[in-house]
Amino acid sequence: MRTTEFIGMASGDCECFCWEVDEQTYIRIRGERSHAMEVEFDKERHGGPRTVWRIYPDDLIAHLGIKGDNRPMKFTFGYDDGV
């Protein structure tokens, strides 16, 4: 596994980069309520279900229970290419 570590602050723009994930991962990170709103939006806007779900850095920070108070945080990312 390769990892990198850095100290930084989330920019708050939510779209600096994102990960495309499956629907179950989206629900686990964002929650059922967010998922239900997105499903309804897709019905109204696109006429059907989406095939790509995205999570952003701010979603991970919230998922970890960290308040977005614009303070420096230490981030560690790991990558395992054996998945």
C-alpha atoms as a PDB file:
ATOM      1  CA  MET A   1       0.000   0.000   0.000  1.00  0.00           C
ATOM      2  CA  ARG A   2       1.220   3.480  -0.824  1.00  0.00           C
ATOM      3  CA  THR A   3       0.281   6.443   1.367  1.00  0.00           C
ATOM      4  CA  THR A   4       0.855  10.158   1.492  1.00  0.00           C
ATOM      5  CA  GLU A   5       0.279  12.593   4.311  1.00  0.00           C
ATOM      6  CA  PHE A   6      -0.136  16.363   4.405  1.00  0.00           C
ATOM      7  CA  ILE A   7      -1.574  19.197   6.467  1.00  0.00           C
ATOM      8  CA  GLY A   8      -4.088  21.446   4.762  1.00  0.00           C
ATOM      9  CA  MET A   9      -7.535  22.991   4.910  1.00  0.00           C
ATOM     10  CA  ALA A  10     -10.542  21.987   2.844  1.00  0.00           C
ATOM     11  CA  SER A  11     -11.191  24.704   0.296  1.00  0.00           C
ATOM     12  CA  GLY A  12     -14.944  24.509   0.672  1.00  0.00           C
ATOM     13  CA  ASP A  13     -15.576  24.637  -3.064  1.00  0.00           C
ATOM     14  CA  CYS A  14     -16.697  20.964  -2.929  1.00  0.00           C
ATOM     15  CA  GLU A  15     -15.638  20.360  -6.505  1.00  0.00           C
ATOM     16  CA  CYS A  16     -11.863  20.632  -6.449  1.00  0.00           C
ATOM     17  CA  PHE A  17     -11.827  16.887  -7.147  1.00  0.00           C
ATOM     18  CA  CYS A  18     -14.145  13.972  -6.569  1.00  0.00           C
ATOM     19  CA  TRP A  19     -14.310  10.195  -6.578  1.00  0.00           C
ATOM     20  CA  GLU A  20     -16.790   8.212  -8.641  1.00  0.00           C
ATOM     21  CA  VAL A  21     -18.186   5.506  -6.378  1.00  0.00           C
ATOM     22  CA  ASP A  22     -20.911   2.888  -6.428  1.00  0.00           C
ATOM     23  CA  GLU A  23     -24.331   3.686  -5.021  1.00  0.00           C
ATOM     24  CA  GLN A  24     -23.815   1.805  -1.734  1.00  0.00           C
ATOM     25  CA  THR A  25     -20.589   3.710  -1.001  1.00  0.00           C
ATOM     26  CA  TYR A  26     -22.415   6.972  -1.723  1.00  0.00           C
ATOM     27  CA  ILE A  27     -25.127   6.050   0.794  1.00  0.00           C
ATOM     28  CA  ARG A  28     -22.547   5.040   3.404  1.00  0.00           C
ATOM     29  CA  ILE A  29     -20.662   8.327   3.079  1.00  0.00           C
ATOM     30  CA  ARG A  30     -23.467  10.805   2.315  1.00  0.00           C
ATOM     31  CA  GLY A  31     -26.389   9.094   4.078  1.00  0.00           C
ATOM     32  CA  GLU A  32     -29.857   7.944   3.141  1.00  0.00           C
ATOM     33  CA  ARG A  33     -31.394  11.427   3.187  1.00  0.00           C
ATOM     34  CA  SER A  34     -28.916  12.830   0.685  1.00  0.00           C
ATOM     35  CA  HIS A  35     -29.347   9.730  -1.494  1.00  0.00           C
ATOM     36  CA  ALA A  36     -33.151  10.073  -1.473  1.00  0.00           C
ATOM     37  CA  MET A  37     -32.901  13.746  -2.489  1.00  0.00           C
ATOM     38  CA  GLU A  38     -30.529  12.895  -5.345  1.00  0.00           C
ATOM     39  CA  VAL A  39     -32.792  10.082  -6.569  1.00  0.00           C
ATOM     40  CA  GLU A  40     -35.768  12.473  -6.614  1.00  0.00           C
ATOM     41  CA  PHE A  41     -33.685  15.125  -8.403  1.00  0.00           C
ATOM     42  CA  ASP A  42     -32.675  12.570 -11.038  1.00  0.00           C
ATOM     43  CA  LYS A  43     -36.302  11.616 -11.673  1.00  0.00           C
ATOM     44  CA  GLU A  44     -37.332  15.243 -12.135  1.00  0.00           C
ATOM     45  CA  ARG A  45     -34.289  16.458 -14.030  1.00  0.00           C
ATOM     46  CA  HIS A  46     -33.073  13.458 -16.000  1.00  0.00           C
ATOM     47  CA  GLY A  47     -36.081  11.151 -16.158  1.00  0.00           C
ATOM     48  CA  GLY A  48     -34.342   8.206 -14.518  1.00  0.00           C
ATOM     49  CA  PRO A  49     -31.667   6.889 -12.212  1.00  0.00           C
ATOM     50  CA  ARG A  50     -28.044   7.964 -12.431  1.00  0.00           C
ATOM     51  CA  THR A  51     -25.221   5.590 -13.215  1.00  0.00           C
ATOM     52  CA  VAL A  52     -22.415   7.589 -11.546  1.00  0.00           C
ATOM     53  CA  TRP A  53     -22.346   8.668  -7.915  1.00  0.00           C
ATOM     54  CA  ARG A  54     -19.748  11.160  -6.695  1.00  0.00           C
ATOM     55  CA  ILE A  55     -18.332  12.039  -3.299  1.00  0.00           C
ATOM     56  CA  TYR A  56     -16.163  15.056  -2.559  1.00  0.00           C
ATOM     57  CA  PRO A  57     -13.510  15.830   0.084  1.00  0.00           C
ATOM     58  CA  ASP A  58     -16.050  17.773   2.164  1.00  0.00           C
ATOM     59  CA  ASP A  59     -18.264  14.655   2.217  1.00  0.00           C
ATOM     60  CA  LEU A  60     -15.445  12.601   3.736  1.00  0.00           C
ATOM     61  CA  ILE A  61     -14.705  15.261   6.335  1.00  0.00           C
ATOM     62  CA  ALA A  62     -18.376  15.342   7.364  1.00  0.00           C
ATOM     63  CA  HIS A  63     -18.543  11.522   7.333  1.00  0.00           C
ATOM     64  CA  LEU A  64     -15.694  11.454   9.848  1.00  0.00           C
ATOM     65  CA  GLY A  65     -17.676  13.817  12.089  1.00  0.00           C
ATOM     66  CA  ILE A  66     -15.285  16.732  11.674  1.00  0.00           C
ATOM     67  CA  LYS A  67     -16.787  20.209  11.715  1.00  0.00           C
ATOM     68  CA  GLY A  68     -15.714  22.307   8.751  1.00  0.00           C
ATOM     69  CA  ASP A  69     -14.270  25.181  10.738  1.00  0.00           C
ATOM     70  CA  ASN A  70     -11.515  26.108   8.282  1.00  0.00           C
ATOM     71  CA  ARG A  71      -8.630  24.973  10.423  1.00  0.00           C
ATOM     72  CA  PRO A  72      -5.610  23.026   9.228  1.00  0.00           C
ATOM     73  CA  MET A  73      -6.079  19.256   9.364  1.00  0.00           C
ATOM     74  CA  LYS A  74      -3.701  16.367   8.822  1.00  0.00           C
ATOM     75  CA  PHE A  75      -4.820  14.121   5.966  1.00  0.00           C
ATOM     76  CA  THR A  76      -3.526  10.652   5.163  1.00  0.00           C
ATOM     77  CA  PHE A  77      -4.479   9.011   1.870  1.00  0.00           C
ATOM     78  CA  GLY A  78      -3.758   5.388   1.123  1.00  0.00           C
ATOM     79  CA  TYR A  79      -3.875   3.531  -2.145  1.00  0.00           C
ATOM     80  CA  ASP A  80      -4.038  -0.225  -2.456  1.00  0.00           C
ATOM     81  CA  ASP A  81      -3.787  -1.427  -6.052  1.00  0.00           C
ATOM     82  CA  GLY A  82      -4.609  -4.987  -4.990  1.00  0.00           C
ATOM     83  CA  VAL A  83      -8.360  -4.267  -4.868  1.00  0.00           C
END
